Each structure stands twice: as structure tokens, then as C-alpha cells.
């Protein structure tokens, strides 16, 4: 168990674990705005973005990996995998969605329920491969 805990702690150290301070040299916001039919979604957002968080709940350590896929046709998918060290079980939830942007926010609409959520986003470093979405730094993985 100590070995598994060590791997989780190391994994948590290699990636972002939550909101971090902005770089003194912020990446300019991507061009565009709008989105949806007839809009122009920022091409800097297209791709696959991932963040892994490690946290402790009581005597258990858990990891949550969230992967967003944002496509040029304004469709998206969010896959969230949560694993408990004590249980050793991974639970996966998937959200199929559409997305639009405006004023440095990303609005996601669930294609099944129609419910929507809006998240602030930015590119806080000089790298276009780091997306801060809702306070968490995601890395481009595809």
C-alpha cells in the first residue's frame, strides 16, 4: 500500500493540482469569441486537454483525471475518471456536449439534458499548450 501511495503522490507532483498564480507574461487571449453555429470558436482551444488532481479524503487518497476534447465543429466531450486508493476502483463519467465561447468564458451544453455550465478560461503562460479552465491548469495532450 505504501508503494501505491508513493506513486499517487509522485503523480500529483508531476502535474497541476489546482489553481496556480498567473505568469508575469500572460499569453494573449485567443482571437474570436462567439462559437456555435455561424460563430468563430478560437482555434487555440481545439484539441484534447487533461488535468489530474490528487487529494485526500479522510484516510483515502483519490485521483481525478478530467479530459476535455474540444472539436472545431463545436462538439465536445468531457471524461472524468476518479480512483480511490482504498477501493482500487476507477469510476468514469462521460459528458457529450457542444461548446461556445465569449468574453474569455467557455460555455458547455450537455447534449442529453440541455443543461449548460460556463467556465472562465485563459492561457496563463507563454505556452499555447497550457489552458487554465475554471481555475485548473490543463495540458494539451492531443
N, C-alpha and C. Protein backbone atom coordinates (compact mmCIF):
# COMPACT_ATOMS: atom_id res chain seq x y z
N UNK A 1 0.83 -1.19 0.00
CA UNK A 1 0.00 0.00 0.00
C UNK A 1 0.87 1.25 0.00
N UNK A 2 2.02 1.20 0.72
CA UNK A 2 2.91 2.36 0.76
C UNK A 2 3.46 2.66 -0.62
N UNK A 3 3.72 1.60 -1.42
CA UNK A 3 4.23 1.81 -2.77
C UNK A 3 3.18 2.49 -3.64
N UNK A 4 1.92 2.04 -3.54
CA UNK A 4 0.84 2.67 -4.32
C UNK A 4 0.66 4.12 -3.91
N UNK A 5 0.74 4.40 -2.61
CA UNK A 5 0.62 5.77 -2.14
C UNK A 5 1.75 6.63 -2.67
N UNK A 6 2.95 6.07 -2.72
CA UNK A 6 4.09 6.82 -3.27
C UNK A 6 3.85 7.19 -4.72
N UNK A 7 3.32 6.23 -5.51
CA UNK A 7 3.05 6.52 -6.91
C UNK A 7 2.01 7.63 -7.06
N UNK A 8 0.97 7.59 -6.23
CA UNK A 8 -0.05 8.65 -6.29
C UNK A 8 0.54 10.00 -5.94
N UNK A 9 1.37 10.04 -4.91
CA UNK A 9 1.97 11.31 -4.51
C UNK A 9 2.90 11.84 -5.59
N UNK A 10 3.67 10.93 -6.21
CA UNK A 10 4.57 11.36 -7.29
C UNK A 10 3.75 11.86 -8.46
N UNK A 11 2.66 11.15 -8.81
CA UNK A 11 1.80 11.59 -9.92
C UNK A 11 1.25 12.97 -9.64
N UNK A 12 0.89 13.21 -8.39
CA UNK A 12 0.35 14.52 -8.03
C UNK A 12 1.38 15.62 -8.14
N UNK A 13 2.65 15.30 -7.94
CA UNK A 13 3.70 16.31 -8.01
C UNK A 13 4.07 16.65 -9.43
N UNK A 14 3.81 15.74 -10.37
CA UNK A 14 4.21 15.98 -11.74
C UNK A 14 3.21 16.81 -12.52
N UNK A 15 2.03 17.03 -12.01
CA UNK A 15 1.02 17.77 -12.75
C UNK A 15 0.39 18.81 -11.88
N UNK A 16 -0.44 19.62 -12.46
CA UNK A 16 -1.09 20.66 -11.68
C UNK A 16 -2.06 20.04 -10.68
N UNK A 17 -2.17 20.66 -9.53
CA UNK A 17 -3.07 20.15 -8.51
C UNK A 17 -4.12 21.16 -8.14
N UNK A 18 -4.26 22.20 -8.89
CA UNK A 18 -5.29 23.19 -8.61
C UNK A 18 -4.88 24.53 -9.16
N UNK A 19 -5.61 25.54 -8.80
CA UNK A 19 -5.31 26.87 -9.31
C UNK A 19 -3.90 27.30 -8.92
N UNK A 20 -3.24 27.95 -9.85
CA UNK A 20 -1.90 28.47 -9.58
C UNK A 20 -1.87 29.94 -9.99
N UNK A 21 -0.84 30.62 -9.55
CA UNK A 21 -0.77 32.05 -9.85
C UNK A 21 -0.45 32.27 -11.32
N UNK A 22 -0.84 33.39 -11.83
CA UNK A 22 -0.60 33.71 -13.23
C UNK A 22 0.85 34.04 -13.47
N UNK A 23 1.28 33.74 -14.68
CA UNK A 23 2.62 34.10 -15.09
C UNK A 23 2.71 35.61 -15.26
N UNK A 24 3.89 36.21 -15.01
CA UNK A 24 4.00 37.65 -15.24
C UNK A 24 3.93 38.00 -16.72
N UNK A 25 3.99 36.99 -17.61
CA UNK A 25 3.92 37.21 -19.05
C UNK A 25 2.73 36.44 -19.59
N UNK A 26 1.51 36.91 -19.38
CA UNK A 26 0.34 36.15 -19.81
C UNK A 26 0.27 36.01 -21.32
N UNK A 27 -0.17 34.85 -21.74
CA UNK A 27 -0.39 34.59 -23.16
C UNK A 27 -1.62 35.39 -23.58
N UNK A 28 -1.58 36.06 -24.69
CA UNK A 28 -2.75 36.86 -25.08
C UNK A 28 -3.97 35.97 -25.29
N UNK A 29 -5.15 36.47 -24.99
CA UNK A 29 -6.34 35.65 -25.20
C UNK A 29 -6.48 35.28 -26.66
N UNK A 30 -7.01 34.09 -26.93
CA UNK A 30 -7.15 33.67 -28.31
C UNK A 30 -8.14 34.56 -29.05
N UNK A 31 -7.94 34.69 -30.36
CA UNK A 31 -8.86 35.51 -31.14
C UNK A 31 -10.22 34.85 -31.21
N UNK A 32 -11.19 35.59 -31.58
CA UNK A 32 -12.52 35.02 -31.79
C UNK A 32 -13.41 35.28 -30.60
N UNK A 33 -14.44 34.55 -30.55
CA UNK A 33 -15.45 34.69 -29.49
C UNK A 33 -16.62 33.88 -29.96
N UNK A 34 -17.78 34.21 -29.74
CA UNK A 34 -18.91 33.55 -30.38
C UNK A 34 -18.95 32.05 -30.21
N UNK A 35 -18.80 31.31 -31.27
CA UNK A 35 -18.94 29.87 -31.26
C UNK A 35 -20.34 29.52 -31.69
N UNK A 36 -20.67 28.26 -31.62
CA UNK A 36 -21.99 27.82 -32.04
C UNK A 36 -22.14 27.95 -33.54
N UNK A 37 -23.31 27.79 -34.05
CA UNK A 37 -23.50 27.86 -35.49
C UNK A 37 -23.29 29.28 -35.98
N UNK A 38 -22.44 29.41 -36.95
CA UNK A 38 -22.16 30.71 -37.53
C UNK A 38 -21.13 31.50 -36.75
N UNK A 39 -20.71 31.04 -35.58
CA UNK A 39 -19.73 31.77 -34.77
C UNK A 39 -18.32 31.37 -35.14
N UNK A 40 -17.37 31.96 -34.46
CA UNK A 40 -15.99 31.58 -34.72
C UNK A 40 -15.35 31.20 -33.39
N UNK A 41 -15.24 29.91 -33.13
CA UNK A 41 -14.61 29.46 -31.91
C UNK A 41 -13.10 29.61 -32.04
N UNK A 42 -12.42 29.99 -30.96
CA UNK A 42 -10.98 30.18 -31.02
C UNK A 42 -10.26 28.87 -31.31
N UNK A 43 -9.50 28.84 -32.38
CA UNK A 43 -8.80 27.61 -32.75
C UNK A 43 -7.78 27.19 -31.70
N UNK A 44 -7.31 28.11 -30.86
CA UNK A 44 -6.36 27.76 -29.80
C UNK A 44 -6.98 26.78 -28.81
N UNK A 45 -8.29 26.70 -28.74
CA UNK A 45 -8.96 25.79 -27.81
C UNK A 45 -9.16 24.39 -28.38
N UNK A 46 -9.07 24.24 -29.70
CA UNK A 46 -9.28 22.94 -30.32
C UNK A 46 -8.25 21.96 -29.78
N UNK A 47 -8.68 20.75 -29.46
CA UNK A 47 -7.74 19.72 -29.04
C UNK A 47 -8.23 18.94 -27.84
N UNK A 48 -7.30 18.19 -27.26
CA UNK A 48 -7.59 17.37 -26.09
C UNK A 48 -6.77 17.92 -24.92
N UNK A 49 -7.45 18.19 -23.81
CA UNK A 49 -6.86 18.83 -22.64
C UNK A 49 -7.07 17.95 -21.42
N UNK A 50 -6.03 17.80 -20.57
CA UNK A 50 -6.13 16.90 -19.42
C UNK A 50 -5.50 17.50 -18.18
N UNK A 51 -6.16 17.24 -17.03
CA UNK A 51 -5.60 17.61 -15.73
C UNK A 51 -5.86 16.44 -14.78
N UNK A 52 -4.88 16.16 -13.91
CA UNK A 52 -5.04 15.13 -12.88
C UNK A 52 -4.85 15.78 -11.52
N UNK A 53 -5.81 15.55 -10.65
CA UNK A 53 -5.76 16.09 -9.30
C UNK A 53 -5.63 14.94 -8.32
N UNK A 54 -4.82 15.13 -7.28
CA UNK A 54 -4.65 14.14 -6.22
C UNK A 54 -5.04 14.82 -4.92
N UNK A 55 -5.91 14.17 -4.14
CA UNK A 55 -6.34 14.77 -2.89
C UNK A 55 -6.67 13.68 -1.88
N UNK A 56 -6.73 14.09 -0.62
CA UNK A 56 -7.02 13.17 0.46
C UNK A 56 -8.41 13.43 1.01
N UNK A 57 -9.16 12.35 1.19
CA UNK A 57 -10.48 12.43 1.82
C UNK A 57 -10.45 11.42 2.97
N UNK A 58 -10.44 11.93 4.19
CA UNK A 58 -10.32 11.05 5.34
C UNK A 58 -9.01 10.29 5.26
N UNK A 59 -9.06 8.98 5.35
CA UNK A 59 -7.86 8.15 5.25
C UNK A 59 -7.60 7.64 3.85
N UNK A 60 -8.28 8.17 2.87
CA UNK A 60 -8.16 7.70 1.49
C UNK A 60 -7.54 8.77 0.61
N UNK A 61 -6.71 8.35 -0.34
CA UNK A 61 -6.21 9.25 -1.37
C UNK A 61 -6.98 8.95 -2.64
N UNK A 62 -7.36 9.99 -3.36
CA UNK A 62 -8.09 9.82 -4.60
C UNK A 62 -7.44 10.64 -5.70
N UNK A 63 -7.54 10.12 -6.91
CA UNK A 63 -7.12 10.87 -8.08
C UNK A 63 -8.34 11.09 -8.95
N UNK A 64 -8.38 12.25 -9.56
CA UNK A 64 -9.42 12.55 -10.54
C UNK A 64 -8.72 13.10 -11.78
N UNK A 65 -8.93 12.44 -12.90
CA UNK A 65 -8.38 12.91 -14.16
C UNK A 65 -9.55 13.36 -15.03
N UNK A 66 -9.49 14.61 -15.47
CA UNK A 66 -10.53 15.16 -16.33
C UNK A 66 -9.91 15.45 -17.69
N UNK A 67 -10.54 14.94 -18.74
CA UNK A 67 -10.09 15.15 -20.11
C UNK A 67 -11.21 15.81 -20.90
N UNK A 68 -10.91 16.97 -21.46
CA UNK A 68 -11.85 17.67 -22.35
C UNK A 68 -11.37 17.50 -23.78
N UNK A 69 -12.27 17.17 -24.69
CA UNK A 69 -11.99 17.18 -26.12
C UNK A 69 -12.86 18.27 -26.72
N UNK A 70 -12.22 19.29 -27.29
CA UNK A 70 -12.94 20.42 -27.90
C UNK A 70 -12.67 20.37 -29.40
N UNK A 71 -13.73 20.13 -30.18
CA UNK A 71 -13.58 19.97 -31.63
C UNK A 71 -13.98 21.23 -32.38
N UNK A 72 -13.46 21.36 -33.59
CA UNK A 72 -13.71 22.53 -34.43
C UNK A 72 -15.18 22.64 -34.84
N UNK A 73 -15.92 21.52 -34.80
CA UNK A 73 -17.33 21.57 -35.18
C UNK A 73 -18.23 21.94 -33.99
N UNK A 74 -17.63 22.48 -32.92
CA UNK A 74 -18.33 22.94 -31.73
C UNK A 74 -18.93 21.80 -30.90
N UNK A 75 -18.48 20.56 -31.12
CA UNK A 75 -18.87 19.46 -30.25
C UNK A 75 -17.73 19.22 -29.26
N UNK A 76 -18.08 18.63 -28.13
CA UNK A 76 -17.07 18.37 -27.11
C UNK A 76 -17.43 17.12 -26.33
N UNK A 77 -16.47 16.68 -25.55
CA UNK A 77 -16.67 15.54 -24.65
C UNK A 77 -15.80 15.76 -23.42
N UNK A 78 -16.41 15.50 -22.25
CA UNK A 78 -15.64 15.52 -21.01
C UNK A 78 -15.68 14.11 -20.42
N UNK A 79 -14.49 13.57 -20.13
CA UNK A 79 -14.39 12.27 -19.48
C UNK A 79 -13.71 12.50 -18.14
N UNK A 80 -14.36 12.07 -17.07
CA UNK A 80 -13.80 12.23 -15.73
C UNK A 80 -13.63 10.84 -15.12
N UNK A 81 -12.37 10.52 -14.76
CA UNK A 81 -12.04 9.24 -14.13
C UNK A 81 -11.59 9.50 -12.71
N UNK A 82 -12.28 8.91 -11.73
CA UNK A 82 -11.94 9.08 -10.32
C UNK A 82 -11.56 7.72 -9.76
N UNK A 83 -10.42 7.67 -9.05
CA UNK A 83 -9.94 6.42 -8.48
C UNK A 83 -9.65 6.61 -7.00
N UNK A 84 -10.16 5.69 -6.20
CA UNK A 84 -9.90 5.66 -4.77
C UNK A 84 -8.76 4.67 -4.51
N UNK A 85 -7.73 5.09 -3.75
CA UNK A 85 -6.64 4.19 -3.41
C UNK A 85 -7.15 3.03 -2.57
N UNK A 86 -8.04 3.30 -1.61
CA UNK A 86 -8.54 2.24 -0.74
C UNK A 86 -9.37 1.21 -1.50
N UNK A 87 -10.23 1.68 -2.39
CA UNK A 87 -11.10 0.77 -3.14
C UNK A 87 -10.39 0.14 -4.33
N UNK A 88 -9.48 0.90 -4.94
CA UNK A 88 -8.82 0.41 -6.14
C UNK A 88 -9.75 0.34 -7.33
N UNK A 89 -10.82 1.11 -7.29
CA UNK A 89 -11.83 1.10 -8.36
C UNK A 89 -11.83 2.47 -9.04
N UNK A 90 -11.88 2.44 -10.37
CA UNK A 90 -11.99 3.69 -11.14
C UNK A 90 -13.42 3.84 -11.61
N UNK A 91 -13.96 5.02 -11.36
CA UNK A 91 -15.30 5.36 -11.84
C UNK A 91 -15.16 6.38 -12.95
N UNK A 92 -15.86 6.16 -14.06
CA UNK A 92 -15.75 7.04 -15.21
C UNK A 92 -17.11 7.62 -15.55
N UNK A 93 -17.14 8.95 -15.76
CA UNK A 93 -18.35 9.59 -16.25
C UNK A 93 -17.99 10.32 -17.54
N UNK A 94 -18.92 10.30 -18.48
CA UNK A 94 -18.71 10.93 -19.78
C UNK A 94 -19.84 11.90 -20.07
N UNK A 95 -19.48 13.07 -20.54
CA UNK A 95 -20.47 14.08 -20.92
C UNK A 95 -20.23 14.43 -22.38
N UNK A 96 -21.22 14.19 -23.24
CA UNK A 96 -21.18 14.64 -24.62
C UNK A 96 -21.84 16.01 -24.66
N UNK A 97 -21.22 16.93 -25.40
CA UNK A 97 -21.67 18.32 -25.30
C UNK A 97 -21.38 19.11 -26.58
N UNK A 98 -21.88 20.33 -26.56
CA UNK A 98 -21.50 21.35 -27.54
C UNK A 98 -20.88 22.49 -26.76
N UNK A 99 -20.11 23.34 -27.43
CA UNK A 99 -19.44 24.43 -26.72
C UNK A 99 -19.42 25.70 -27.53
N UNK A 100 -19.41 26.81 -26.80
CA UNK A 100 -19.27 28.14 -27.38
C UNK A 100 -18.36 28.94 -26.46
N UNK A 101 -17.87 30.05 -26.97
CA UNK A 101 -17.01 30.92 -26.17
C UNK A 101 -17.49 32.36 -26.30
N UNK A 102 -17.05 33.17 -25.37
CA UNK A 102 -17.33 34.60 -25.40
C UNK A 102 -16.78 35.24 -24.14
N UNK A 103 -16.08 36.35 -24.29
CA UNK A 103 -15.54 37.08 -23.14
C UNK A 103 -14.70 36.20 -22.23
N UNK A 104 -13.81 35.41 -22.81
CA UNK A 104 -12.90 34.52 -22.07
C UNK A 104 -13.64 33.52 -21.19
N UNK A 105 -14.83 33.09 -21.66
CA UNK A 105 -15.55 32.02 -20.97
C UNK A 105 -15.89 30.92 -21.98
N UNK A 106 -15.95 29.71 -21.48
CA UNK A 106 -16.33 28.56 -22.27
C UNK A 106 -17.67 28.09 -21.72
N UNK A 107 -18.68 28.03 -22.58
CA UNK A 107 -19.99 27.55 -22.17
C UNK A 107 -20.21 26.19 -22.80
N UNK A 108 -20.54 25.22 -21.96
CA UNK A 108 -20.72 23.83 -22.38
C UNK A 108 -22.18 23.45 -22.16
N UNK A 109 -22.79 22.86 -23.19
CA UNK A 109 -24.19 22.42 -23.08
C UNK A 109 -24.25 20.91 -23.26
N UNK A 110 -24.80 20.24 -22.26
CA UNK A 110 -24.98 18.79 -22.28
C UNK A 110 -25.95 18.44 -23.41
N UNK A 111 -25.55 17.56 -24.33
CA UNK A 111 -26.41 17.24 -25.48
C UNK A 111 -27.59 16.36 -25.08
N UNK A 112 -27.53 15.73 -23.92
CA UNK A 112 -28.65 14.89 -23.47
C UNK A 112 -29.68 15.69 -22.68
N UNK A 113 -29.23 16.41 -21.65
CA UNK A 113 -30.17 17.12 -20.77
C UNK A 113 -30.42 18.57 -21.19
N UNK A 114 -29.51 19.14 -21.95
CA UNK A 114 -29.64 20.55 -22.32
C UNK A 114 -29.09 21.50 -21.27
N UNK A 115 -28.67 20.97 -20.12
CA UNK A 115 -28.10 21.81 -19.06
C UNK A 115 -26.78 22.41 -19.54
N UNK A 116 -26.50 23.63 -19.10
CA UNK A 116 -25.25 24.27 -19.51
C UNK A 116 -24.47 24.77 -18.31
N UNK A 117 -23.16 24.85 -18.49
CA UNK A 117 -22.24 25.38 -17.48
C UNK A 117 -21.27 26.30 -18.18
N UNK A 118 -20.85 27.35 -17.48
CA UNK A 118 -19.91 28.31 -18.05
C UNK A 118 -18.66 28.37 -17.17
N UNK A 119 -17.49 28.30 -17.81
CA UNK A 119 -16.21 28.29 -17.12
C UNK A 119 -15.31 29.40 -17.66
N UNK A 120 -14.64 30.14 -16.80
CA UNK A 120 -13.64 31.09 -17.29
C UNK A 120 -12.43 30.32 -17.81
N UNK A 121 -11.79 30.87 -18.85
CA UNK A 121 -10.57 30.23 -19.35
C UNK A 121 -9.55 31.30 -19.73
N UNK A 122 -8.29 30.87 -19.74
CA UNK A 122 -7.19 31.73 -20.20
C UNK A 122 -6.01 30.84 -20.55
N UNK A 123 -5.01 31.44 -21.14
CA UNK A 123 -3.73 30.79 -21.41
C UNK A 123 -2.71 31.53 -20.56
N UNK A 124 -2.43 31.04 -19.33
CA UNK A 124 -1.68 31.82 -18.34
C UNK A 124 -0.17 31.85 -18.55
N UNK A 125 0.35 31.08 -19.49
CA UNK A 125 1.80 31.07 -19.73
C UNK A 125 2.05 31.42 -21.19
N UNK A 126 3.30 31.43 -21.55
CA UNK A 126 3.64 31.69 -22.95
C UNK A 126 3.38 30.48 -23.84
N UNK A 127 3.05 29.36 -23.23
CA UNK A 127 2.78 28.14 -24.00
C UNK A 127 1.31 28.04 -24.38
N UNK A 128 1.01 27.76 -25.64
CA UNK A 128 -0.38 27.54 -26.04
C UNK A 128 -0.88 26.16 -25.61
N UNK A 129 -0.01 25.38 -24.93
CA UNK A 129 -0.36 24.03 -24.52
C UNK A 129 -0.76 23.94 -23.05
N UNK A 130 -0.98 25.10 -22.41
CA UNK A 130 -1.48 25.14 -21.04
C UNK A 130 -2.73 26.00 -21.04
N UNK A 131 -3.84 25.37 -20.70
CA UNK A 131 -5.14 26.05 -20.67
C UNK A 131 -5.62 26.09 -19.23
N UNK A 132 -5.84 27.30 -18.71
CA UNK A 132 -6.45 27.41 -17.39
C UNK A 132 -7.95 27.47 -17.60
N UNK A 133 -8.62 26.43 -17.13
CA UNK A 133 -10.07 26.32 -17.28
C UNK A 133 -10.68 26.18 -15.90
N UNK A 134 -11.51 27.13 -15.53
CA UNK A 134 -12.17 27.13 -14.23
C UNK A 134 -11.17 27.04 -13.08
N UNK A 135 -10.01 27.66 -13.25
CA UNK A 135 -9.01 27.72 -12.19
C UNK A 135 -8.02 26.57 -12.17
N UNK A 136 -8.14 25.61 -13.06
CA UNK A 136 -7.22 24.47 -13.10
C UNK A 136 -6.43 24.49 -14.40
N UNK A 137 -5.14 24.17 -14.32
CA UNK A 137 -4.26 24.21 -15.48
C UNK A 137 -4.26 22.85 -16.18
N UNK A 138 -4.83 22.82 -17.37
CA UNK A 138 -4.90 21.62 -18.20
C UNK A 138 -3.73 21.64 -19.18
N UNK A 139 -3.22 20.48 -19.51
CA UNK A 139 -2.15 20.33 -20.51
C UNK A 139 -2.77 19.77 -21.79
N UNK A 140 -2.29 20.29 -22.92
CA UNK A 140 -2.73 19.75 -24.22
C UNK A 140 -2.07 18.38 -24.40
N UNK A 141 -2.90 17.38 -24.69
CA UNK A 141 -2.38 16.03 -24.91
C UNK A 141 -2.71 15.51 -26.30
N UNK A 142 -3.35 16.33 -27.08
CA UNK A 142 -3.69 15.90 -28.44
C UNK A 142 -4.36 17.00 -29.20
